Amino acid sequence: MKKVVILGRPNVGKSSFFNRLAKQRDAITSDVSGTTRDIKKRIVTISENREFEVIDTGGIDEGSELFSKVAELSFRAAENADIIIYMVDGKMLPDEEDKRLFYRLQKLNKPIALLINKIDNDKEENDRAWEFSSFGAKDMFAVSVSHNRKFNPVYNWLEKHIPPLKEKSLALNEEFDPLFDEPIVETKKEDDKTIKVAIIGRVNTGKSSLLNALLKEERSVVSDVAGTTIDPVDESITYGDHNITFIDTAGIRKRSKILGIEKFALGRTENMLKEANIVLLVIDATVGVTELDERVAGLIDKHHLACLIVLNKWDIKDDKTYEEAVANVRYKLKFLHYASLITISAKTGLRVHKILDEIIAIYKRYTMRIPTSKLNEVIKEAITRHHVPSHNGANVKIKFATQFDTKPPRIALVSNFPDFIHFSYIRYLANFLRERFDFEGVPLEIVARKRGEREEDREN
C-alpha cells in the first residue's frame, strides 16, 4: 500500500487537509501553532478503489527542542513514504525556510507536490499563487482546505501515483448470499483477533515512551515537557495471530490546569476509550498513585474496560519493595481490584516485552464465554454455600444464569424477584465466579432479571 505523507511548517493546515482526506475530524486543529506533535495515520480510499495510507506529521520548526524532535519524526516519515505533499500558507509570502525544506524533500527523489493552502478565491490565486513558482515545483496546487476549494486536481495527481486495488475474487470456500449478492463473511472471528488498547494516564508518566518501546520505533514525541501528546496517536502491530492497535492518549491534568487545545484532547481521549477493549493505565512508580491517577482510573471503571496497570519508571523508583508498591496501588485503586499489574521501565525496556503477552491473555478472558451448563453448575454451588437472602418475607430464588455478552463478560441471573437481590449478594457471586474462572484483568458484570426480560426493558 502506498504511503502519502503531509508535511509543512506549523499552522499551514496539514491536519485540516488530513481530516478532509480521512473524512473525519481526527487530528486536532486550531489556530495555535504546533497543534499536531505526533504522527497520525489513516487508510484512505479514493476513486476506482485506490487505497493508500495518509500520514499527518507535526509542523517542521527547528526553533525549540520539542519541535526539533517533531521535525525529526516528520522527515523520517517522509523518508519512509512513497508520495510527499508539502503545504505552505498562501496568505504569507514565500519563505526561504520553506524553500530550504522543500528542496531537502525533493532530494528524496519521490513524487512531491506543493500545496498552497488558504487560497480562498480566484483573485487570491491570481495575486499570490504565482509567487510560489520560485520553489520550482513540477506539481503545484492552489487550494483552500477550509473552503474545500480546487481539490479535484490534487486527487487527480494522487491517482497518477496510486494504482487501483485488484478486485478480490470469491474464494472457493466462501458462501454467497443471494439476497445481498455478496459473500457471507464471518466477521466475528476477525474481530476477535483485533485488539484495541488505549494507553492512558496523567501527564508525563511515560505513555509515549511506552508506546515507542512497544513498537520498537519512535512513533510518538517524547519530551520532559508535560503534555507533549495532545492528539491520540494510534499504531497497529501484529503479535502472534492478533492485530493490536495501540492508542497513546493525551495525558490528563487537573481540571484547573487544562489549557487551550488540551481541552479538545481530553474529550478525544474519552471518546477513544469508548472504542478500546483494554487499557494500559500508566502510573509513575517514583510518585505512586495520586488523586488524579484515581480519577483517571475512574474512566476505566466507567467504560467497563479490561485493564493492565503499568507501574513505569521502575528503574528509578525509591526504596519501596515490590510488595509495598503493589499494596499501595491496590489500596488506592480498590475499584480496579480485578486489574492485572506489571512493573516496567519504558526507558530501559525492563519487562516491556511481557506486556504484549499480558494483553493477549487479558483479551482472551475479556472475550471468554462460559458454557451455560458450567455456569449454572458454579452458580448452584455458590447458592448452596450461601443462600439468597429473603426480602421482607419473600422467598427470593435464582432460577438459572446465562452469559449474554462478552467484552466484558456479562451474566444475567433469572429470578422471581430480581429487584430484591441485594448488591452485596451479587458481589459475592462475582467473587465466587472469579474463584472458579480466570477473569484476571477483566471486569465482570452481573445483572438480575425476570424470565424473558431484556436489558432495554429494565432501562425503560
Protein backbone atom coordinates (compact mmCIF):
# COMPACT_ATOMS: atom_id res chain seq x y z
CA MET A 1 0.00 0.00 0.00
CA LYS A 2 1.30 3.43 -0.95
CA LYS A 3 2.10 5.91 1.80
CA VAL A 4 1.30 9.61 1.34
CA VAL A 5 2.87 11.97 3.86
CA ILE A 6 1.74 15.56 4.51
CA LEU A 7 4.50 17.91 5.65
CA GLY A 8 4.94 21.61 6.22
CA ARG A 9 5.68 24.20 8.83
CA PRO A 10 3.32 24.72 11.80
CA ASN A 11 -0.21 26.04 11.27
CA VAL A 12 -0.40 25.80 7.47
CA GLY A 13 -3.41 23.46 7.51
CA LYS A 14 -1.88 19.98 7.38
CA SER A 15 -4.23 18.45 9.93
CA SER A 16 -7.28 20.04 8.28
CA PHE A 17 -6.22 18.50 4.97
CA PHE A 18 -5.58 15.18 6.71
CA ASN A 19 -9.09 15.31 8.21
CA ARG A 20 -10.59 16.06 4.80
CA LEU A 21 -8.86 13.05 3.28
CA ALA A 22 -9.80 10.85 6.23
CA LYS A 23 -13.35 12.28 6.16
CA GLN A 24 -13.45 12.73 9.91
CA ARG A 25 -12.21 15.20 12.49
CA ASP A 26 -9.38 13.04 13.68
CA ALA A 27 -6.41 15.32 14.15
CA ILE A 28 -6.98 18.31 16.42
CA THR A 29 -6.99 21.57 14.51
CA SER A 30 -6.70 25.07 15.95
CA ASP A 31 -5.10 28.44 15.32
CA VAL A 32 -2.39 27.57 17.83
CA SER A 33 0.89 26.92 16.03
CA GLY A 34 2.22 23.41 16.58
CA THR A 35 -1.07 21.73 17.46
CA THR A 36 -0.03 18.41 15.90
CA ARG A 37 3.05 16.96 17.57
CA ASP A 38 2.88 13.27 16.73
CA ILE A 39 2.49 11.17 13.60
CA LYS A 40 -1.09 10.22 12.71
CA LYS A 41 -2.10 7.66 10.09
CA ARG A 42 -5.32 6.65 8.35
CA ILE A 43 -6.24 4.39 5.45
CA VAL A 44 -7.99 6.38 2.70
CA THR A 45 -9.76 5.23 -0.47
CA ILE A 46 -10.30 7.48 -3.48
CA SER A 47 -11.72 6.82 -6.95
CA GLU A 48 -11.51 3.40 -8.61
CA ASN A 49 -10.72 1.69 -5.33
CA ARG A 50 -7.35 3.37 -4.92
CA GLU A 51 -6.30 2.79 -1.33
CA PHE A 52 -3.40 4.46 0.44
CA GLU A 53 -2.17 5.38 3.88
CA VAL A 54 -2.17 9.11 4.59
CA ILE A 55 0.23 10.35 7.26
CA ASP A 56 -0.16 13.64 9.13
CA THR A 57 3.05 14.99 10.63
CA GLY A 58 3.87 17.67 13.15
CA GLY A 59 4.87 21.11 11.95
CA ILE A 60 8.53 21.36 10.95
CA ASP A 61 10.02 24.03 13.17
CA GLU A 62 13.53 23.62 14.48
CA GLY A 63 13.30 26.63 16.77
CA SER A 64 12.85 24.67 20.01
CA GLU A 65 13.94 21.35 21.49
CA LEU A 66 10.42 19.91 21.42
CA PHE A 67 9.67 20.91 17.85
CA SER A 68 13.08 19.83 16.60
CA LYS A 69 12.05 16.33 17.72
CA VAL A 70 8.77 16.78 15.87
CA ALA A 71 10.70 17.83 12.75
CA GLU A 72 12.96 14.79 13.04
CA LEU A 73 9.94 12.48 13.12
CA SER A 74 8.40 14.33 10.17
CA PHE A 75 11.48 13.91 7.98
CA ARG A 76 11.72 10.27 8.96
CA ALA A 77 8.09 9.83 7.84
CA ALA A 78 8.97 11.45 4.51
CA GLU A 79 11.88 9.05 4.01
CA ASN A 80 9.56 6.08 4.57
CA ALA A 81 6.73 7.44 2.40
CA ASP A 82 6.10 6.91 -1.31
CA ILE A 83 4.49 10.29 -2.06
CA ILE A 84 5.08 13.68 -0.42
CA ILE A 85 2.71 16.64 -0.14
CA TYR A 86 4.35 19.80 1.17
CA MET A 87 1.94 22.50 2.36
CA VAL A 88 2.57 26.22 2.65
CA ASP A 89 0.44 29.14 3.82
CA GLY A 90 -0.77 31.03 0.74
CA LYS A 91 -1.61 34.11 2.78
CA MET A 92 2.07 34.57 3.60
CA LEU A 93 4.88 35.48 1.22
CA PRO A 94 7.14 32.59 0.16
CA ASP A 95 9.58 31.89 2.95
CA GLU A 96 13.23 30.96 2.47
CA GLU A 97 12.93 28.35 5.22
CA ASP A 98 10.02 26.75 3.33
CA LYS A 99 12.12 26.66 0.18
CA ARG A 100 15.03 25.06 2.02
CA LEU A 101 12.76 22.37 3.46
CA PHE A 102 11.09 21.76 0.09
CA TYR A 103 14.46 21.39 -1.67
CA ARG A 104 15.56 18.94 1.03
CA LEU A 105 12.46 16.83 0.38
CA GLN A 106 12.98 17.00 -3.39
CA LYS A 107 16.34 15.28 -2.93
CA LEU A 108 14.48 12.16 -1.79
CA ASN A 109 13.51 11.67 -5.47
CA LYS A 110 9.89 10.85 -4.73
CA PRO A 111 6.69 12.27 -6.26
CA ILE A 112 6.21 15.58 -4.47
CA ALA A 113 3.53 18.26 -4.77
CA LEU A 114 3.49 21.79 -3.40
CA LEU A 115 0.08 22.58 -1.88
CA ILE A 116 -0.55 26.30 -1.43
CA ASN A 117 -3.30 26.46 1.17
CA LYS A 118 -5.63 29.30 2.21
CA ILE A 119 -6.19 30.50 -1.36
CA ASP A 120 -9.89 31.17 -0.90
CA ASN A 121 -10.83 32.64 -4.30
CA ASP A 122 -9.64 33.24 -7.86
CA LYS A 123 -8.35 36.73 -7.07
CA GLU A 124 -6.07 35.41 -4.34
CA GLU A 125 -4.90 32.68 -6.69
CA ASN A 126 -4.01 35.22 -9.37
CA ASP A 127 -2.38 37.60 -6.89
CA ARG A 128 -0.46 35.16 -4.69
CA ALA A 129 -0.12 31.65 -6.03
CA TRP A 130 2.30 32.61 -8.81
CA GLU A 131 4.74 33.92 -6.19
CA PHE A 132 5.40 30.32 -5.13
CA SER A 133 6.69 29.38 -8.58
CA SER A 134 10.13 30.23 -7.20
CA PHE A 135 10.02 26.83 -5.43
CA GLY A 136 10.49 25.19 -8.81
CA ALA A 137 7.82 22.59 -8.06
CA LYS A 138 6.76 20.49 -11.03
CA ASP A 139 3.34 19.89 -9.44
CA MET A 140 1.83 22.89 -7.63
CA PHE A 141 -1.79 23.34 -6.50
CA ALA A 142 -3.56 26.37 -5.03
CA VAL A 143 -6.30 25.18 -2.65
CA SER A 144 -8.38 26.18 0.34
CA VAL A 145 -8.96 23.38 2.81
CA SER A 146 -11.44 25.36 4.89
CA HIS A 147 -13.50 26.23 1.77
CA ASN A 148 -13.00 22.84 0.09
CA ARG A 149 -11.70 24.66 -2.97
CA LYS A 150 -9.96 23.12 -6.01
CA PHE A 151 -9.16 19.67 -4.64
CA ASN A 152 -10.01 17.71 -7.79
CA PRO A 153 -6.61 18.45 -9.38
CA VAL A 154 -4.93 17.20 -6.19
CA TYR A 155 -6.94 13.96 -6.27
CA ASN A 156 -6.14 13.54 -9.98
CA TRP A 157 -2.45 13.92 -9.19
CA LEU A 158 -2.67 11.31 -6.44
CA GLU A 159 -4.45 8.91 -8.80
CA LYS A 160 -1.48 9.05 -11.18
CA HIS A 161 0.79 7.69 -8.46
CA ILE A 162 -1.57 5.27 -6.69
CA PRO A 163 -2.68 2.17 -8.61
CA PRO A 164 -6.21 0.80 -8.09
CA LEU A 165 -6.60 -2.33 -6.00
CA LYS A 166 -7.31 -5.55 -7.81
CA GLU A 167 -10.81 -6.89 -7.38
CA LYS A 168 -10.89 -9.67 -4.82
CA SER A 169 -12.25 -12.88 -6.30
CA LEU A 170 -14.61 -15.07 -4.34
CA ALA A 171 -12.75 -17.86 -2.57
CA LEU A 172 -13.87 -21.42 -3.26
CA ASN A 173 -14.89 -21.97 0.34
CA GLU A 174 -16.90 -18.73 0.64
CA GLU A 175 -20.67 -18.85 0.73
CA PHE A 176 -22.70 -16.47 -1.42
CA ASP A 177 -25.64 -14.52 -0.05
CA PRO A 178 -28.29 -14.44 -2.80
CA LEU A 179 -30.25 -11.71 -1.02
CA PHE A 180 -27.42 -9.17 -0.94
CA ASP A 181 -25.42 -10.56 -3.88
CA GLU A 182 -22.20 -10.61 -1.87
CA PRO A 183 -20.04 -13.12 0.01
CA ILE A 184 -21.09 -14.07 3.52
CA VAL A 185 -18.21 -13.03 5.75
CA GLU A 186 -17.62 -14.35 9.24
CA THR A 187 -16.66 -11.08 10.93
CA LYS A 188 -16.70 -12.32 14.49
CA LYS A 189 -13.54 -14.39 14.10
CA GLU A 190 -11.69 -11.45 12.56
CA ASP A 191 -12.92 -9.10 15.28
CA ASP A 192 -11.70 -11.50 17.96
CA LYS A 193 -8.20 -11.21 16.52
CA THR A 194 -8.22 -7.41 16.64
CA ILE A 195 -7.45 -5.82 20.00
CA LYS A 196 -7.74 -2.09 20.68
CA VAL A 197 -5.51 -0.97 23.52
CA ALA A 198 -5.63 2.55 24.96
CA ILE A 199 -2.60 3.87 26.83
CA ILE A 200 -3.89 6.28 29.46
CA GLY A 201 -2.52 8.17 32.44
CA ARG A 202 -1.85 11.60 33.79
CA VAL A 203 0.74 13.80 32.10
CA ASN A 204 4.40 12.79 31.94
CA THR A 205 4.04 9.25 33.28
CA GLY A 206 5.81 7.84 30.22
CA LYS A 207 2.91 6.84 27.96
CA SER A 208 4.60 7.88 24.72
CA SER A 209 7.87 6.24 25.78
CA LEU A 210 5.91 3.05 26.43
CA LEU A 211 4.26 3.21 23.01
CA ASN A 212 7.64 3.69 21.33
CA ALA A 213 9.10 0.79 23.33
CA LEU A 214 6.21 -1.50 22.36
CA LEU A 215 6.53 -0.56 18.69
CA LYS A 216 10.33 -0.59 18.85
CA GLU A 217 10.40 2.69 16.95
CA GLU A 218 9.98 6.38 17.76
CA ARG A 219 6.38 6.96 16.73
CA SER A 220 5.34 9.42 19.42
CA VAL A 221 7.24 12.52 20.50
CA VAL A 222 8.90 12.06 23.89
CA SER A 223 9.88 15.10 25.93
CA ASP A 224 10.26 16.23 29.52
CA VAL A 225 7.66 18.88 28.71
CA ALA A 226 4.40 17.73 30.33
CA GLY A 227 1.52 17.42 27.87
CA THR A 228 3.63 16.66 24.79
CA THR A 229 1.00 14.32 23.34
CA ILE A 230 -2.29 16.08 22.57
CA ASP A 231 -3.70 14.03 19.68
CA PRO A 232 -4.44 10.38 20.42
CA VAL A 233 -1.76 8.56 18.42
CA ASP A 234 -2.56 5.08 17.18
CA GLU A 235 -0.43 2.38 15.60
CA SER A 236 -1.05 -1.29 14.84
CA ILE A 237 1.27 -4.24 15.14
CA THR A 238 0.85 -7.95 14.56
CA TYR A 239 1.73 -10.16 17.50
CA GLY A 240 1.16 -13.87 17.12
CA ASP A 241 -2.15 -14.19 15.32
CA HIS A 242 -3.55 -10.97 16.78
CA ASN A 243 -3.58 -7.44 15.43
CA ILE A 244 -3.04 -4.98 18.28
CA THR A 245 -3.87 -1.30 17.81
CA PHE A 246 -2.32 0.97 20.42
CA ILE A 247 -3.77 4.38 21.18
CA ASP A 248 -1.42 6.75 23.01
CA THR A 249 -3.89 9.17 24.57
CA ALA A 250 -3.26 12.69 25.81
CA GLY A 251 -2.07 12.96 29.39
CA ILE A 252 -4.73 14.14 31.83
CA ARG A 253 -4.11 17.11 34.09
CA LYS A 254 -6.03 18.56 36.98
CA ARG A 255 -9.05 20.38 35.56
CA SER A 256 -7.74 23.77 36.68
CA LYS A 257 -4.53 23.23 34.70
CA ILE A 258 -6.06 22.13 31.40
CA LEU A 259 -5.19 24.78 28.85
CA GLY A 260 -6.12 25.56 25.25
CA ILE A 261 -6.07 22.67 22.81
CA GLU A 262 -5.57 20.14 25.62
CA LYS A 263 -9.31 20.52 26.32
CA PHE A 264 -10.00 19.07 22.87
CA ALA A 265 -7.51 16.28 23.53
CA LEU A 266 -9.14 15.37 26.84
CA GLY A 267 -12.52 14.91 25.17
CA ARG A 268 -10.90 12.92 22.37
CA THR A 269 -9.23 10.66 24.92
CA GLU A 270 -12.55 9.70 26.48
CA ASN A 271 -14.06 9.08 23.04
CA MET A 272 -11.17 6.74 22.26
CA LEU A 273 -11.87 4.80 25.44
CA LYS A 274 -15.36 4.03 24.15
CA GLU A 275 -13.74 2.08 21.31
CA ALA A 276 -11.00 0.40 23.34
CA ASN A 277 -11.01 -3.15 24.71
CA ILE A 278 -8.08 -2.96 27.10
CA VAL A 279 -6.48 -0.04 28.90
CA LEU A 280 -2.86 0.23 29.94
CA LEU A 281 -3.06 2.53 32.95
CA VAL A 282 0.41 4.04 33.25
CA ILE A 283 1.44 5.17 36.73
CA ASP A 284 4.73 6.80 37.69
CA ALA A 285 6.37 4.41 40.17
CA THR A 286 8.53 7.24 41.53
CA VAL A 287 5.41 9.10 42.66
CA GLY A 288 2.87 6.36 43.33
CA VAL A 289 -0.88 6.67 42.95
CA THR A 290 -2.06 10.26 43.19
CA GLU A 291 -5.58 11.63 43.48
CA LEU A 292 -5.51 12.42 39.77
CA ASP A 293 -4.43 8.84 39.00
CA GLU A 294 -7.55 7.69 40.84
CA ARG A 295 -9.72 9.96 38.70
CA VAL A 296 -8.07 8.73 35.52
CA ALA A 297 -8.63 5.14 36.64
CA GLY A 298 -12.27 6.04 37.17
CA LEU A 299 -12.65 6.38 33.38
CA ILE A 300 -11.70 2.71 33.03
CA ASP A 301 -14.35 1.70 35.52
CA LYS A 302 -16.87 3.98 33.81
CA HIS A 303 -16.43 2.26 30.44
CA HIS A 304 -16.15 -1.30 31.87
CA LEU A 305 -12.78 -1.94 30.24
CA ALA A 306 -10.20 -4.62 30.84
CA CYS A 307 -7.12 -3.17 32.49
CA LEU A 308 -3.41 -3.72 32.94
CA ILE A 309 -1.86 -1.34 35.46
CA VAL A 310 1.65 -0.43 34.31
CA LEU A 311 3.97 0.87 37.02
CA ASN A 312 6.52 2.71 34.89
CA LYS A 313 9.96 4.12 35.80
CA TRP A 314 10.65 1.08 37.99
CA ASP A 315 14.37 1.57 37.30
CA ILE A 316 14.45 4.86 39.21
CA LYS A 317 11.83 4.24 41.90
CA ASP A 318 12.52 4.82 45.58
CA ASP A 319 13.36 2.09 48.08
CA LYS A 320 9.84 0.63 48.20
CA THR A 321 9.67 -3.12 47.70
CA TYR A 322 7.50 -4.67 45.01
CA GLU A 323 5.02 -5.82 47.65
CA GLU A 324 4.78 -2.32 49.15
CA ALA A 325 4.29 -0.68 45.75
CA VAL A 326 1.59 -3.16 44.75
CA ALA A 327 -0.16 -2.79 48.10
CA ASN A 328 -0.25 0.99 47.61
CA VAL A 329 -1.79 0.63 44.15
CA ARG A 330 -4.35 -1.94 45.27
CA TYR A 331 -5.35 0.19 48.25
CA LYS A 332 -5.74 3.41 46.24
CA LEU A 333 -7.48 1.74 43.27
CA LYS A 334 -9.84 -0.63 45.06
CA PHE A 335 -12.46 -0.28 42.33
CA LEU A 336 -9.95 -1.76 39.85
CA HIS A 337 -9.41 -4.79 42.06
CA TYR A 338 -9.64 -7.04 39.00
CA ALA A 339 -6.82 -5.30 37.09
CA SER A 340 -3.56 -7.07 36.31
CA LEU A 341 -0.35 -5.27 37.26
CA ILE A 342 3.19 -5.16 35.90
CA THR A 343 6.28 -3.12 36.79
CA ILE A 344 8.38 -1.86 33.87
CA SER A 345 10.79 0.76 32.64
CA ALA A 346 9.81 2.07 29.22
CA LYS A 347 13.16 3.88 29.05
CA THR A 348 15.37 0.82 29.61
CA GLY A 349 12.94 -1.75 28.20
CA LEU A 350 12.65 -3.63 31.50
CA ARG A 351 9.80 -6.19 31.17
CA VAL A 352 8.17 -4.22 28.33
CA HIS A 353 8.12 -7.36 26.18
CA LYS A 354 5.84 -9.07 28.72
CA ILE A 355 3.10 -6.50 28.14
CA LEU A 356 2.15 -7.97 24.76
CA ASP A 357 1.66 -11.43 26.27
CA GLU A 358 -0.40 -9.89 29.07
CA ILE A 359 -2.59 -8.10 26.52
CA ILE A 360 -3.31 -11.33 24.64
CA ALA A 361 -4.10 -13.21 27.87
CA ILE A 362 -6.39 -10.47 29.17
CA TYR A 363 -8.19 -10.21 25.84
CA LYS A 364 -8.93 -13.95 25.86
CA ARG A 365 -10.58 -13.52 29.25
CA TYR A 366 -12.37 -10.37 28.05
CA THR A 367 -13.94 -12.34 25.20
CA MET A 368 -14.45 -15.56 27.17
CA ARG A 369 -17.87 -17.20 27.06
CA ILE A 370 -18.76 -19.72 29.78
CA PRO A 371 -20.95 -22.66 28.71
CA THR A 372 -24.40 -22.26 30.26
CA SER A 373 -24.31 -25.69 31.89
CA LYS A 374 -20.95 -24.99 33.54
CA LEU A 375 -22.05 -21.52 34.63
CA ASN A 376 -25.21 -22.84 36.29
CA GLU A 377 -23.24 -25.59 37.98
CA VAL A 378 -20.99 -22.99 39.64
CA ILE A 379 -23.88 -20.64 40.50
CA LYS A 380 -25.75 -23.56 42.10
CA GLU A 381 -22.68 -24.37 44.19
CA ALA A 382 -22.43 -20.73 45.30
CA ILE A 383 -26.12 -20.64 46.29
CA THR A 384 -25.75 -23.91 48.21
CA ARG A 385 -22.92 -22.40 50.22
CA HIS A 386 -24.72 -19.13 50.83
CA HIS A 387 -28.45 -18.91 50.12
CA VAL A 388 -30.04 -15.87 48.53
CA PRO A 389 -31.32 -13.70 51.41
CA SER A 390 -35.10 -13.30 51.58
CA HIS A 391 -36.67 -9.86 51.34
CA ASN A 392 -39.49 -8.85 53.70
CA GLY A 393 -40.57 -12.47 53.92
CA ALA A 394 -40.41 -13.04 50.15
CA ASN A 395 -38.52 -16.17 49.13
CA VAL A 396 -36.06 -14.88 46.51
CA LYS A 397 -34.85 -17.53 44.07
CA ILE A 398 -32.30 -17.57 41.28
CA LYS A 399 -33.72 -19.99 38.72
CA PHE A 400 -30.79 -20.05 36.34
CA ALA A 401 -27.95 -17.95 34.93
CA THR A 402 -26.77 -17.26 31.42
CA GLN A 403 -23.94 -15.26 29.89
CA PHE A 404 -25.49 -12.92 27.35
CA ASP A 405 -22.49 -10.88 26.25
CA THR A 406 -18.71 -10.56 26.15
CA LYS A 407 -16.28 -7.62 26.12
CA PRO A 408 -16.72 -7.61 29.09
CA PRO A 409 -18.37 -10.86 30.18
CA ARG A 410 -21.95 -10.10 31.23
CA ILE A 411 -24.12 -12.58 33.10
CA ALA A 412 -27.85 -12.48 33.75
CA LEU A 413 -29.41 -14.07 36.83
CA VAL A 414 -33.01 -15.03 36.12
CA SER A 415 -35.00 -14.59 39.33
CA ASN A 416 -38.59 -14.42 40.55
CA PHE A 417 -37.74 -11.18 42.39
CA PRO A 418 -34.70 -9.66 40.63
CA ASP A 419 -35.07 -6.29 42.36
CA PHE A 420 -34.80 -7.97 45.76
CA ILE A 421 -31.34 -9.44 45.18
CA HIS A 422 -29.02 -7.22 47.19
CA PHE A 423 -25.89 -5.84 45.51
CA SER A 424 -23.75 -7.46 48.21
CA TYR A 425 -25.03 -10.89 47.16
CA ILE A 426 -24.29 -10.14 43.51
CA ARG A 427 -20.79 -9.13 44.59
CA TYR A 428 -20.49 -12.46 46.44
CA LEU A 429 -21.47 -14.33 43.27
CA ALA A 430 -18.99 -12.31 41.21
CA ASN A 431 -16.17 -13.17 43.61
CA PHE A 432 -17.23 -16.82 43.57
CA LEU A 433 -17.14 -16.88 39.78
CA ARG A 434 -13.69 -15.29 39.82
CA GLU A 435 -12.50 -18.13 42.04
CA ARG A 436 -13.75 -20.71 39.53
CA PHE A 437 -12.88 -18.95 36.28
CA ASP A 438 -9.88 -16.85 35.33
CA PHE A 439 -11.14 -13.28 34.97
CA GLU A 440 -7.91 -11.52 35.94
CA GLY A 441 -7.70 -8.10 34.32
CA VAL A 442 -11.36 -8.18 33.29
CA PRO A 443 -14.48 -6.57 34.79
CA LEU A 444 -17.40 -8.92 35.34
CA GLU A 445 -20.96 -7.61 35.13
CA ILE A 446 -23.85 -9.47 36.74
CA VAL A 447 -27.46 -8.31 36.45
CA ALA A 448 -30.68 -9.81 37.81
CA ARG A 449 -33.76 -10.11 35.58
CA LYS A 450 -37.11 -11.78 35.24
CA ARG A 451 -37.55 -14.54 32.69
CA GLY A 452 -37.95 -13.11 29.19
CA GLU A 453 -36.86 -9.63 30.28
CA ARG A 454 -34.25 -7.91 28.14
CA GLU A 455 -31.73 -5.29 29.18
CA GLU A 456 -33.55 -2.48 27.39
CA ASP A 457 -36.77 -3.42 29.21
CA ARG A 458 -35.16 -2.68 32.56
CA GLU A 459 -33.77 0.63 31.31
CA ASN A 460 -37.20 1.90 30.21
